[in-house]
Amino acid sequence: MKVSSSNLPLLRSLDVLLEELNVSNAAGRLGVAQSTLSSQLARLRKLFGDELLVPSEQGRGMVLTDRGTRLRSSLHAALEALDTVVAESEVFDPQTRRRRFVIAINDNALALIGNEFIGAIVDQYPKAIQFSLIAPDPSQLISQMERGEVDMYVGAARLIPPRLKARELLSDQFCVVQRKDHPRGSKPLSMEAYLNMLHIVVSRKGELNTPIDEALATLGQTRHVAMSVYGYAQIAAMVSMTNCVATIPSRLACSWGEGFICFDPPFELAPFSLAMAWHPRSHGDVAHQWLRNRIAACSESMR
């Protein structure tokens, strides 16, 4: 088989098929319909004169033929080498090329990371780079990226679907925040006091139960959630005007200024990470690589 421009996309599909051993999973990674990939596999079998992948006798997924096994490592290495050559021959220069990025980012990540890297880029390249910031919807993230509607997600690492590529940016822990003139004063926060206070949580869907409530439940404890709001900016406003408290990321609380007091939670809460994530289809895009490097450099300076 001689490689040509017409069958190069087929080889990229074959590379994913040989790795996934499952047409449905491979189609999801490639962003194509399962029927389309099945047609491509039929063409590949004809080109190579070999089945390449055959149904597993156990009824789950597929297994490689001998030819498919020999192809797997060599094909993947060849395509990576080709991507390197192409990437080295193409450079994204924001001084001369325009680009719009759509980033799904919540207000916590925006406050901690986004404002800094987005502001710096906009100031440095005022007419070349544009950003559209939207609220993330984890249930729609993969399909939005496959359709090219979202370039990147920045937010809680635990919400990133495993099919996306990701890089950790910052780690953080939780604190309990109240207004400075709260009637309980500034004494350390006991579990009894924490449970007896009124709490505010963040939920885009208006839910009152959060992972923090799940952590309390493992201890046999419950707190009273007085309200949910759709963003962290609303939490700052409500905490400043009421006797409610909120359990929020420490870095965010520190950015709110002198009108608030922070306490360690009276029970153990695991730290969490903020990360950026992107679809494999964008991994080799030089403009996307440029943006990822800028975000990573910004987060490194904040560690």
Protein backbone atom coordinates (compact mmCIF):
# COMPACT_ATOMS: atom_id res chain seq x y z
CA MET A 1 0.00 0.00 0.00
CA LYS A 2 1.34 3.43 -1.02
CA VAL A 3 0.48 6.38 1.22
CA SER A 4 -1.40 9.16 -0.58
CA SER A 5 -3.37 12.22 0.49
CA SER A 6 -6.60 10.24 0.05
CA ASN A 7 -5.71 7.41 2.41
CA LEU A 8 -3.80 9.35 5.08
CA PRO A 9 -7.06 10.07 7.00
CA LEU A 10 -7.77 6.35 6.87
CA LEU A 11 -4.43 5.61 8.50
CA ARG A 12 -5.20 8.05 11.30
CA SER A 13 -8.52 6.29 11.86
CA LEU A 14 -6.73 2.95 11.84
CA ASP A 15 -4.25 4.21 14.46
CA VAL A 16 -7.12 4.96 16.85
CA LEU A 17 -8.89 1.69 16.04
CA LEU A 18 -5.77 -0.32 16.77
CA GLU A 19 -5.50 1.41 20.13
CA GLU A 20 -9.15 1.31 21.19
CA LEU A 21 -10.05 -2.16 19.80
CA ASN A 22 -13.63 -0.89 19.73
CA VAL A 23 -15.35 0.86 16.81
CA SER A 24 -17.72 2.84 19.04
CA ASN A 25 -14.97 4.16 21.32
CA ALA A 26 -12.71 4.96 18.38
CA ALA A 27 -15.50 6.83 16.60
CA GLY A 28 -16.03 8.93 19.75
CA ARG A 29 -12.36 9.86 19.89
CA LEU A 30 -12.25 10.74 16.21
CA GLY A 31 -15.48 12.72 16.31
CA VAL A 32 -17.15 10.70 13.54
CA ALA A 33 -20.26 8.54 13.35
CA GLN A 34 -19.82 4.84 14.09
CA SER A 35 -21.17 3.97 10.63
CA THR A 36 -18.56 6.22 9.01
CA LEU A 37 -15.74 4.53 10.87
CA SER A 38 -17.10 1.08 10.02
CA SER A 39 -16.98 2.07 6.34
CA GLN A 40 -13.41 3.28 6.77
CA LEU A 41 -12.45 -0.02 8.39
CA ALA A 42 -13.89 -1.91 5.41
CA ARG A 43 -11.74 0.20 3.05
CA LEU A 44 -8.66 -0.36 5.23
CA ARG A 45 -9.17 -4.11 5.16
CA LYS A 46 -9.33 -3.97 1.36
CA LEU A 47 -6.22 -1.78 1.13
CA PHE A 48 -4.15 -4.02 3.40
CA GLY A 49 -5.65 -7.29 2.21
CA ASP A 50 -6.16 -8.28 5.85
CA GLU A 51 -8.97 -8.13 8.42
CA LEU A 52 -6.69 -6.13 10.82
CA LEU A 53 -9.25 -6.39 13.67
CA VAL A 54 -11.74 -9.20 14.22
CA PRO A 55 -14.56 -9.61 16.77
CA SER A 56 -13.46 -11.03 20.10
CA GLU A 57 -14.69 -14.53 20.87
CA GLN A 58 -15.70 -13.22 24.28
CA GLY A 59 -18.17 -10.89 22.59
CA ARG A 60 -16.62 -7.64 23.81
CA GLY A 61 -14.55 -5.41 21.56
CA MET A 62 -12.12 -6.68 18.95
CA VAL A 63 -8.73 -8.34 18.76
CA LEU A 64 -5.85 -7.69 16.39
CA THR A 65 -4.79 -10.00 13.61
CA ASP A 66 -1.07 -10.68 13.26
CA ARG A 67 -0.88 -7.93 10.64
CA GLY A 68 -2.74 -5.53 12.88
CA THR A 69 -0.37 -6.29 15.76
CA ARG A 70 2.68 -5.54 13.58
CA LEU A 71 1.07 -2.34 12.34
CA ARG A 72 0.06 -0.89 15.70
CA SER A 73 3.38 0.40 17.05
CA SER A 74 4.97 1.24 13.70
CA LEU A 75 1.93 3.12 12.39
CA HIS A 76 1.55 5.15 15.58
CA ALA A 77 5.24 6.11 15.55
CA ALA A 78 5.05 7.09 11.87
CA LEU A 79 2.03 9.34 12.41
CA GLU A 80 3.61 11.00 15.45
CA ALA A 81 6.72 11.70 13.40
CA LEU A 82 4.58 13.20 10.65
CA ASP A 83 2.75 15.41 13.15
CA THR A 84 6.09 16.63 14.50
CA VAL A 85 7.32 17.52 11.02
CA VAL A 86 4.14 19.42 10.23
CA ALA A 87 4.12 21.22 13.58
CA GLU A 88 7.72 22.30 13.18
CA SER A 89 6.95 23.74 9.76
CA GLU A 90 4.01 25.77 11.05
CA VAL A 91 4.25 28.55 13.61
CA PHE A 92 1.42 30.48 15.20
CA ASP A 93 2.32 34.16 15.39
CA PRO A 94 -0.44 36.17 17.11
CA GLN A 95 1.11 39.34 15.72
CA THR A 96 0.15 38.33 12.21
CA ARG A 97 -2.66 35.75 12.61
CA ARG A 98 -6.10 36.25 14.13
CA ARG A 99 -7.78 33.63 16.30
CA ARG A 100 -10.89 33.36 18.46
CA PHE A 101 -10.90 30.91 21.37
CA VAL A 102 -14.05 29.63 23.08
CA ILE A 103 -13.27 28.60 26.66
CA ALA A 104 -15.71 26.87 29.00
CA ILE A 105 -14.71 28.20 32.42
CA ASN A 106 -16.54 28.75 35.70
CA ASP A 107 -16.16 31.90 37.75
CA ASN A 108 -13.86 30.27 40.32
CA ALA A 109 -11.33 29.27 37.64
CA LEU A 110 -11.83 32.61 35.92
CA ALA A 111 -11.04 34.51 39.12
CA LEU A 112 -8.00 32.38 39.98
CA ILE A 113 -6.41 31.87 36.57
CA GLY A 114 -8.50 33.18 33.72
CA ASN A 115 -8.46 36.88 34.49
CA GLU A 116 -4.67 36.89 34.55
CA PHE A 117 -3.85 34.97 31.39
CA ILE A 118 -6.78 36.31 29.37
CA GLY A 119 -6.09 39.90 30.42
CA ALA A 120 -2.40 39.58 29.57
CA ILE A 121 -3.11 38.14 26.12
CA VAL A 122 -5.78 40.71 25.26
CA ASP A 123 -3.48 43.56 26.34
CA GLN A 124 -0.53 42.15 24.39
CA TYR A 125 -2.49 41.27 21.23
CA PRO A 126 -5.49 43.62 21.34
CA LYS A 127 -6.75 43.01 17.79
CA ALA A 128 -5.46 39.50 17.07
CA ILE A 129 -6.84 37.30 19.84
CA GLN A 130 -10.49 37.15 20.88
CA PHE A 131 -12.05 35.12 23.70
CA SER A 132 -15.58 33.89 24.22
CA LEU A 133 -16.04 32.66 27.80
CA ILE A 134 -19.00 30.39 28.45
CA ALA A 135 -20.31 28.44 31.44
CA PRO A 136 -19.15 24.81 31.28
CA ASP A 137 -21.65 21.99 30.93
CA PRO A 138 -19.75 18.76 31.68
CA SER A 139 -22.47 16.63 30.11
CA GLN A 140 -22.09 18.45 26.77
CA LEU A 141 -18.38 19.20 26.83
CA ILE A 142 -17.15 16.38 24.59
CA SER A 143 -19.81 16.91 21.92
CA GLN A 144 -19.21 20.68 21.95
CA MET A 145 -15.49 20.13 21.43
CA GLU A 146 -16.07 17.54 18.71
CA ARG A 147 -18.20 20.08 16.81
CA GLY A 148 -15.60 22.81 17.29
CA GLU A 149 -17.93 24.89 19.48
CA VAL A 150 -15.57 24.85 22.48
CA ASP A 151 -11.78 24.97 22.30
CA MET A 152 -10.93 24.38 25.94
CA TYR A 153 -12.28 23.70 29.40
CA VAL A 154 -10.72 25.28 32.50
CA GLY A 155 -12.08 24.19 35.85
CA ALA A 156 -12.26 21.36 38.37
CA ALA A 157 -10.14 18.40 37.29
CA ARG A 158 -12.68 15.91 38.69
CA LEU A 159 -15.24 17.00 36.07
CA ILE A 160 -13.01 16.30 33.06
CA PRO A 161 -14.21 13.31 30.96
CA PRO A 162 -11.46 10.69 30.57
CA ARG A 163 -11.56 10.92 26.76
CA LEU A 164 -10.16 14.47 26.85
CA LYS A 165 -6.53 15.42 27.16
CA ALA A 166 -5.79 17.39 30.33
CA ARG A 167 -3.09 19.19 32.29
CA GLU A 168 -3.24 20.19 35.95
CA LEU A 169 -2.81 23.90 36.59
CA LEU A 170 -3.25 24.58 40.31
CA SER A 171 -4.13 22.72 43.48
CA ASP A 172 -6.26 24.26 46.21
CA GLN A 173 -8.09 23.41 49.42
CA PHE A 174 -11.35 24.51 50.99
CA CYS A 175 -11.95 27.09 53.69
CA VAL A 176 -15.05 28.39 55.44
CA VAL A 177 -15.71 32.09 54.86
CA GLN A 178 -17.97 34.47 56.80
CA ARG A 179 -18.36 38.24 56.85
CA LYS A 180 -16.00 40.09 59.18
CA ASP A 181 -18.73 41.43 61.46
CA HIS A 182 -20.56 38.12 61.77
CA PRO A 183 -22.29 37.80 65.19
CA ARG A 184 -20.41 34.55 66.01
CA GLY A 185 -17.16 36.53 66.12
CA SER A 186 -13.76 35.25 65.01
CA LYS A 187 -13.23 32.27 67.34
CA PRO A 188 -12.12 28.97 65.76
CA LEU A 189 -14.87 27.02 64.06
CA SER A 190 -16.02 23.82 65.78
CA MET A 191 -18.00 21.07 64.09
CA GLU A 192 -21.04 21.94 66.21
CA ALA A 193 -20.84 25.59 65.20
CA TYR A 194 -20.35 24.67 61.54
CA LEU A 195 -23.39 22.41 61.48
CA ASN A 196 -25.59 24.99 63.22
CA MET A 197 -24.79 27.77 60.77
CA LEU A 198 -26.64 28.63 57.56
CA HIS A 199 -24.75 27.69 54.40
CA ILE A 200 -24.66 28.88 50.80
CA VAL A 201 -23.56 26.59 47.97
CA VAL A 202 -22.88 26.98 44.25
CA SER A 203 -25.00 25.01 41.80
CA ARG A 204 -25.85 25.86 38.20
CA LYS A 205 -28.90 23.58 38.50
CA GLY A 206 -30.10 24.85 41.86
CA GLU A 207 -29.15 21.70 43.75
CA LEU A 208 -28.62 21.93 47.52
CA ASN A 209 -26.52 18.79 47.97
CA THR A 210 -22.82 19.08 47.09
CA PRO A 211 -19.67 16.95 47.45
CA ILE A 212 -19.10 18.70 50.78
CA ASP A 213 -22.46 17.42 52.03
CA GLU A 214 -21.46 13.96 50.83
CA ALA A 215 -18.25 14.22 52.89
CA LEU A 216 -20.31 15.20 55.93
CA ALA A 217 -22.65 12.28 55.34
CA THR A 218 -19.74 9.84 55.64
CA LEU A 219 -19.27 11.26 59.16
CA GLY A 220 -22.97 10.88 59.94
CA GLN A 221 -23.45 14.66 59.90
CA THR A 222 -25.66 17.09 58.00
CA ARG A 223 -25.65 20.86 57.66
CA HIS A 224 -28.45 23.24 56.71
CA VAL A 225 -28.03 24.71 53.24
CA ALA A 226 -30.08 27.88 53.18
CA MET A 227 -29.64 28.65 49.50
CA SER A 228 -27.82 27.82 46.30
CA VAL A 229 -26.54 30.39 43.82
CA TYR A 230 -25.31 29.91 40.27
CA GLY A 231 -21.80 31.34 40.75
CA TYR A 232 -19.10 32.23 43.24
CA ALA A 233 -19.55 35.97 42.63
CA GLN A 234 -23.07 35.65 44.03
CA ILE A 235 -21.71 33.83 47.10
CA ALA A 236 -19.48 36.81 47.93
CA ALA A 237 -22.46 39.17 47.75
CA MET A 238 -24.73 36.97 49.87
CA VAL A 239 -22.12 36.19 52.53
CA SER A 240 -21.38 39.91 52.88
CA MET A 241 -25.08 40.73 53.44
CA THR A 242 -26.25 37.80 55.60
CA ASN A 243 -25.19 35.57 58.49
CA CYS A 244 -24.68 32.69 56.05
CA VAL A 245 -21.27 31.13 55.52
CA ALA A 246 -19.79 29.29 52.54
CA THR A 247 -17.20 26.55 52.12
CA ILE A 248 -15.23 27.60 49.07
CA PRO A 249 -11.75 27.36 47.51
CA SER A 250 -9.15 29.09 49.68
CA ARG A 251 -7.48 30.95 46.82
CA LEU A 252 -10.81 32.43 45.83
CA ALA A 253 -11.66 33.51 49.38
CA CYS A 254 -8.29 35.24 49.71
CA SER A 255 -9.11 37.33 46.64
CA TRP A 256 -12.30 38.74 48.17
CA GLY A 257 -10.60 41.40 50.28
CA GLU A 258 -10.76 42.51 53.91
CA GLY A 259 -14.51 42.19 54.49
CA PHE A 260 -14.31 38.44 55.14
CA ILE A 261 -12.71 35.99 57.60
CA CYS A 262 -11.58 32.50 56.61
CA PHE A 263 -11.45 29.40 58.82
CA ASP A 264 -10.22 25.86 58.36
CA PRO A 265 -13.14 23.43 58.02
CA PRO A 266 -13.69 21.46 61.27
CA PHE A 267 -13.49 18.18 59.32
CA GLU A 268 -11.19 16.79 56.66
CA LEU A 269 -11.83 17.77 53.06
CA ALA A 270 -9.57 16.51 50.31
CA PRO A 271 -7.71 19.13 48.26
CA PHE A 272 -8.74 19.54 44.65
CA SER A 273 -7.14 20.57 41.38
CA LEU A 274 -7.94 23.02 38.62
CA ALA A 275 -6.97 21.82 35.17
CA MET A 276 -7.35 22.63 31.51
CA ALA A 277 -8.71 20.06 29.08
CA TRP A 278 -9.06 19.82 25.31
CA HIS A 279 -10.20 17.35 22.68
CA PRO A 280 -7.60 15.16 20.92
CA ARG A 281 -8.69 16.75 17.62
CA SER A 282 -7.14 20.06 18.81
CA HIS A 283 -3.97 18.59 20.25
CA GLY A 284 -1.78 19.26 17.21
CA ASP A 285 -3.20 22.69 16.35
CA VAL A 286 -0.36 25.20 16.72
CA ALA A 287 -2.65 28.05 17.85
CA HIS A 288 -4.16 25.76 20.48
CA GLN A 289 -0.67 24.70 21.58
CA TRP A 290 0.29 28.37 21.90
CA LEU A 291 -2.72 29.05 24.14
CA ARG A 292 -2.05 25.97 26.30
CA ASN A 293 1.55 27.08 26.81
CA ARG A 294 0.43 30.57 27.85
CA ILE A 295 -2.07 29.15 30.36
CA ALA A 296 0.49 26.70 31.76
CA ALA A 297 3.08 29.47 32.17
CA CYS A 298 0.54 31.64 33.98
CA SER A 299 -0.40 28.86 36.40
CA GLU A 300 3.28 28.04 37.05
CA SER A 301 3.86 31.63 38.16
CA MET A 302 1.01 31.28 40.67
CA ARG A 303 2.13 28.06 42.35
